[in-house]
Amino acid sequence: MKKTGLLIVSIIALILVGFAAFALKDLMFGDVKGRYEDVVDNYSDYKEQWISYEVVACLGNYAEGTESYSFIPTGHEYYYIIWMEDGSVMPMCVSKKADKEYLDQLTDATYDYLDGVTDTISIPPREFTGTVKSQKAEADKYYREGLNYLKISAGSGWVVRDVLLDCTSTRTGTILLVCGVTLIPILGFVAYFVNLGKGKKKLSPEQEYLPK
């Protein structure tokens, strides 16, 4: 009974992994489907697809968080207010140390430009790729507080974008995640057949002639 249960659970898990892999196929193998400024107004049509944006200016970090899996920390999230070329602002999230360092340097360069220290933003723009989604409630709260601190609002002439460009995932990371999860039902099948083999007793020559 236990062996049959293990087989059933492994089959169900493999089916679920298959559905997950199908849902994430664009993140594993798809190309960039559009630019943030072109898809932001109907972002729900671009879920689980790669979206890009060239960041030219940054107004600072407004929140940090810890990514976790089953209560085990797996990384950090850093949220920034991005000043867009069309004069609007948008929220963006990164997790790589190099991305954080770039955005921190870009923030300093942006305020040097705003304060008249430099004639242009000295840090060159950089393309970021991620997925578009609604912010979590807590992150959105800090986003609003950051905008209020900077006196950025629709009433003061700004266009405030609420859709998050989440750049914490990568194509390689998504593929490795799906492959790692796929190992679970595979190991279940291996355990089932190993136990099945152990359950079969080798008959002696005399026992082979006994009625079954």
Protein backbone atom coordinates (compact mmCIF):
# COMPACT_ATOMS: atom_id res chain seq x y z
CA MET A 1 0.00 0.00 0.00
CA LYS A 2 2.84 2.40 0.87
CA LYS A 3 4.56 1.64 -2.43
CA THR A 4 1.38 2.29 -4.39
CA GLY A 5 0.85 5.56 -2.51
CA LEU A 6 4.39 6.66 -3.34
CA LEU A 7 3.81 5.91 -7.02
CA ILE A 8 0.53 7.84 -7.09
CA VAL A 9 2.05 10.85 -5.32
CA SER A 10 5.02 10.82 -7.73
CA ILE A 11 2.71 10.73 -10.77
CA ILE A 12 0.61 13.61 -9.43
CA ALA A 13 3.75 15.62 -8.60
CA LEU A 14 5.13 15.04 -12.12
CA ILE A 15 1.85 16.21 -13.67
CA LEU A 16 1.87 19.35 -11.52
CA VAL A 17 5.49 20.06 -12.49
CA GLY A 18 4.47 19.65 -16.13
CA PHE A 19 1.72 22.24 -15.74
CA ALA A 20 4.16 24.60 -13.95
CA ALA A 21 6.76 24.18 -16.69
CA PHE A 22 4.12 24.94 -19.34
CA ALA A 23 3.04 28.07 -17.44
CA LEU A 24 6.65 29.24 -17.16
CA LYS A 25 7.67 28.35 -20.70
CA ASP A 26 8.01 32.00 -21.72
CA LEU A 27 10.30 32.71 -18.75
CA MET A 28 12.47 29.72 -19.63
CA PHE A 29 12.63 30.01 -23.41
CA GLY A 30 10.72 33.11 -24.54
CA ASP A 31 12.13 36.37 -25.82
CA VAL A 32 11.45 39.82 -24.36
CA LYS A 33 7.81 40.54 -25.17
CA GLY A 34 7.87 44.31 -24.85
CA ARG A 35 9.09 47.40 -23.08
CA TYR A 36 7.69 48.58 -19.76
CA GLU A 37 6.34 51.86 -21.10
CA ASP A 38 4.45 50.01 -23.84
CA VAL A 39 2.85 47.30 -21.66
CA VAL A 40 2.26 49.07 -18.34
CA ASP A 41 -1.34 50.03 -19.15
CA ASN A 42 -2.34 46.41 -19.84
CA TYR A 43 0.35 44.62 -17.83
CA SER A 44 -1.97 41.75 -16.85
CA ASP A 45 -1.68 40.49 -20.44
CA TYR A 46 2.07 40.08 -19.96
CA LYS A 47 2.24 38.03 -16.77
CA GLU A 48 5.10 35.50 -16.68
CA GLN A 49 6.74 37.11 -19.72
CA TRP A 50 9.97 39.06 -19.99
CA ILE A 51 9.65 42.84 -20.12
CA SER A 52 12.55 45.29 -20.42
CA TYR A 53 13.24 48.93 -19.61
CA GLU A 54 16.26 51.18 -20.05
CA VAL A 55 16.83 52.94 -16.74
CA VAL A 56 18.25 56.46 -17.15
CA ALA A 57 17.66 57.98 -13.69
CA CYS A 58 16.85 56.82 -10.17
CA LEU A 59 15.35 58.70 -7.22
CA GLY A 60 16.39 56.28 -4.51
CA ASN A 61 15.64 53.11 -2.58
CA TYR A 62 12.33 52.93 -0.72
CA ALA A 63 12.23 49.37 0.67
CA GLU A 64 14.21 46.20 1.21
CA GLY A 65 13.02 42.67 1.82
CA THR A 66 14.23 39.10 2.14
CA GLU A 67 13.26 36.40 -0.33
CA SER A 68 12.64 33.06 1.36
CA TYR A 69 11.58 29.52 0.56
CA SER A 70 9.97 27.49 3.35
CA PHE A 71 11.22 30.13 5.81
CA ILE A 72 14.82 29.71 4.52
CA PRO A 73 16.31 33.05 3.30
CA THR A 74 17.37 32.76 -0.34
CA GLY A 75 18.19 36.37 -1.24
CA HIS A 76 17.32 40.01 -0.84
CA GLU A 77 15.01 42.38 -2.68
CA TYR A 78 15.82 46.07 -3.17
CA TYR A 79 13.08 48.45 -4.33
CA TYR A 80 13.80 51.70 -6.19
CA ILE A 81 11.86 54.65 -7.57
CA ILE A 82 12.84 54.98 -11.22
CA TRP A 83 12.55 58.37 -12.94
CA MET A 84 11.40 57.59 -16.47
CA GLU A 85 12.33 59.46 -19.62
CA ASP A 86 8.74 60.64 -20.13
CA GLY A 87 8.75 62.38 -16.74
CA SER A 88 6.82 59.70 -14.87
CA VAL A 89 8.04 57.42 -12.08
CA MET A 90 7.84 53.65 -11.67
CA PRO A 91 8.77 51.07 -9.01
CA MET A 92 11.47 48.51 -9.75
CA CYS A 93 12.91 45.65 -7.72
CA VAL A 94 16.32 43.96 -8.03
CA SER A 95 18.17 41.31 -6.05
CA LYS A 96 21.70 41.14 -7.44
CA LYS A 97 24.41 43.02 -5.59
CA ALA A 98 25.74 44.48 -8.86
CA ASP A 99 22.27 45.82 -9.74
CA LYS A 100 21.90 47.41 -6.31
CA GLU A 101 25.32 49.05 -6.57
CA TYR A 102 24.48 50.41 -10.03
CA LEU A 103 21.17 51.89 -8.88
CA ASP A 104 22.77 53.43 -5.78
CA GLN A 105 25.41 55.09 -7.97
CA LEU A 106 22.75 56.20 -10.44
CA THR A 107 20.76 57.71 -7.56
CA ASP A 108 23.77 59.82 -6.52
CA ALA A 109 24.35 60.88 -10.12
CA THR A 110 20.66 61.77 -10.56
CA TYR A 111 20.65 64.08 -7.53
CA ASP A 112 23.92 65.66 -8.63
CA TYR A 113 22.14 66.52 -11.87
CA LEU A 114 19.01 67.80 -10.08
CA ASP A 115 21.12 69.91 -7.70
CA GLY A 116 23.03 71.46 -10.60
CA VAL A 117 26.34 69.85 -9.67
CA THR A 118 26.54 68.23 -13.12
CA ASP A 119 24.98 69.17 -16.46
CA THR A 120 23.99 65.59 -17.23
CA ILE A 121 23.53 62.33 -15.34
CA SER A 122 27.07 60.99 -15.34
CA ILE A 123 26.15 57.29 -15.01
CA PRO A 124 25.21 55.74 -18.39
CA PRO A 125 21.76 54.16 -18.76
CA ARG A 126 21.33 50.41 -18.43
CA GLU A 127 18.77 47.91 -19.69
CA PHE A 128 16.92 45.85 -17.07
CA THR A 129 14.73 42.83 -17.79
CA GLY A 130 12.09 41.37 -15.51
CA THR A 131 8.38 40.71 -15.13
CA VAL A 132 5.54 43.16 -14.50
CA LYS A 133 3.19 42.68 -11.57
CA SER A 134 1.35 44.45 -8.78
CA GLN A 135 3.41 45.31 -5.74
CA LYS A 136 2.85 43.53 -2.46
CA ALA A 137 0.86 45.65 -0.01
CA GLU A 138 3.80 46.37 2.29
CA ALA A 139 6.14 47.36 -0.57
CA ASP A 140 3.41 49.57 -2.07
CA LYS A 141 2.99 51.29 1.30
CA TYR A 142 6.69 52.21 1.38
CA TYR A 143 6.48 53.28 -2.27
CA ARG A 144 3.74 55.77 -1.36
CA GLU A 145 5.74 57.02 1.60
CA GLY A 146 8.78 57.51 -0.64
CA LEU A 147 6.74 59.46 -3.18
CA ASN A 148 5.27 61.64 -0.45
CA TYR A 149 8.74 62.36 0.92
CA LEU A 150 9.90 63.44 -2.55
CA LYS A 151 6.67 65.44 -3.07
CA ILE A 152 5.83 63.41 -6.16
CA SER A 153 2.13 63.15 -6.96
CA ALA A 154 -0.32 63.52 -9.81
CA GLY A 155 -1.35 66.84 -8.33
CA SER A 156 2.17 68.21 -8.74
CA GLY A 157 2.33 67.22 -12.40
CA TRP A 158 3.88 63.76 -12.14
CA VAL A 159 2.60 60.57 -13.73
CA VAL A 160 2.93 57.87 -11.06
CA ARG A 161 3.18 54.29 -12.33
CA ASP A 162 2.13 51.61 -9.84
CA VAL A 163 3.13 48.48 -11.77
CA LEU A 164 6.34 46.90 -10.47
CA LEU A 165 9.13 45.82 -12.81
CA ASP A 166 10.45 42.82 -10.87
CA CYS A 167 14.02 42.05 -11.95
CA THR A 168 14.77 39.51 -9.20
CA SER A 169 14.33 36.46 -11.48
CA THR A 170 16.50 35.32 -14.38
CA ARG A 171 16.02 32.84 -17.20
CA THR A 172 18.74 30.58 -15.82
CA GLY A 173 17.28 30.72 -12.32
CA THR A 174 13.82 29.78 -13.63
CA ILE A 175 15.19 26.81 -15.57
CA LEU A 176 17.18 25.59 -12.56
CA LEU A 177 14.11 25.95 -10.33
CA VAL A 178 11.92 23.88 -12.65
CA CYS A 179 14.67 21.25 -13.07
CA GLY A 180 15.17 21.09 -9.31
CA VAL A 181 11.46 20.62 -8.64
CA THR A 182 11.29 17.98 -11.40
CA LEU A 183 13.82 15.89 -9.46
CA ILE A 184 11.28 15.38 -6.65
CA PRO A 185 8.85 13.11 -8.57
CA ILE A 186 11.78 11.47 -10.37
CA LEU A 187 13.31 10.52 -7.03
CA GLY A 188 9.87 9.25 -6.01
CA PHE A 189 9.78 6.95 -9.05
CA VAL A 190 13.31 5.72 -8.31
CA ALA A 191 12.38 4.99 -4.69
CA TYR A 192 9.25 3.15 -5.82
CA PHE A 193 11.07 0.83 -8.23
CA VAL A 194 13.95 0.27 -5.80
CA ASN A 195 11.49 -0.78 -3.10
CA LEU A 196 9.60 -2.88 -5.62
CA GLY A 197 12.80 -4.73 -6.48
CA LYS A 198 13.62 -5.31 -2.85
CA GLY A 199 10.15 -6.71 -2.25
CA LYS A 200 10.65 -9.50 -4.75
CA LYS A 201 12.29 -12.48 -3.08
CA LYS A 202 14.49 -14.67 -5.18
CA LEU A 203 13.05 -18.18 -5.29
CA SER A 204 15.20 -21.25 -4.82
CA PRO A 205 15.10 -23.94 -7.57
CA GLU A 206 12.81 -26.03 -5.38
CA GLN A 207 10.40 -23.15 -4.68
CA GLU A 208 10.05 -22.34 -8.37
CA TYR A 209 8.00 -25.52 -8.84
CA LEU A 210 5.64 -24.82 -5.95
CA PRO A 211 2.13 -23.65 -6.85
CA LYS A 212 1.63 -19.90 -6.56
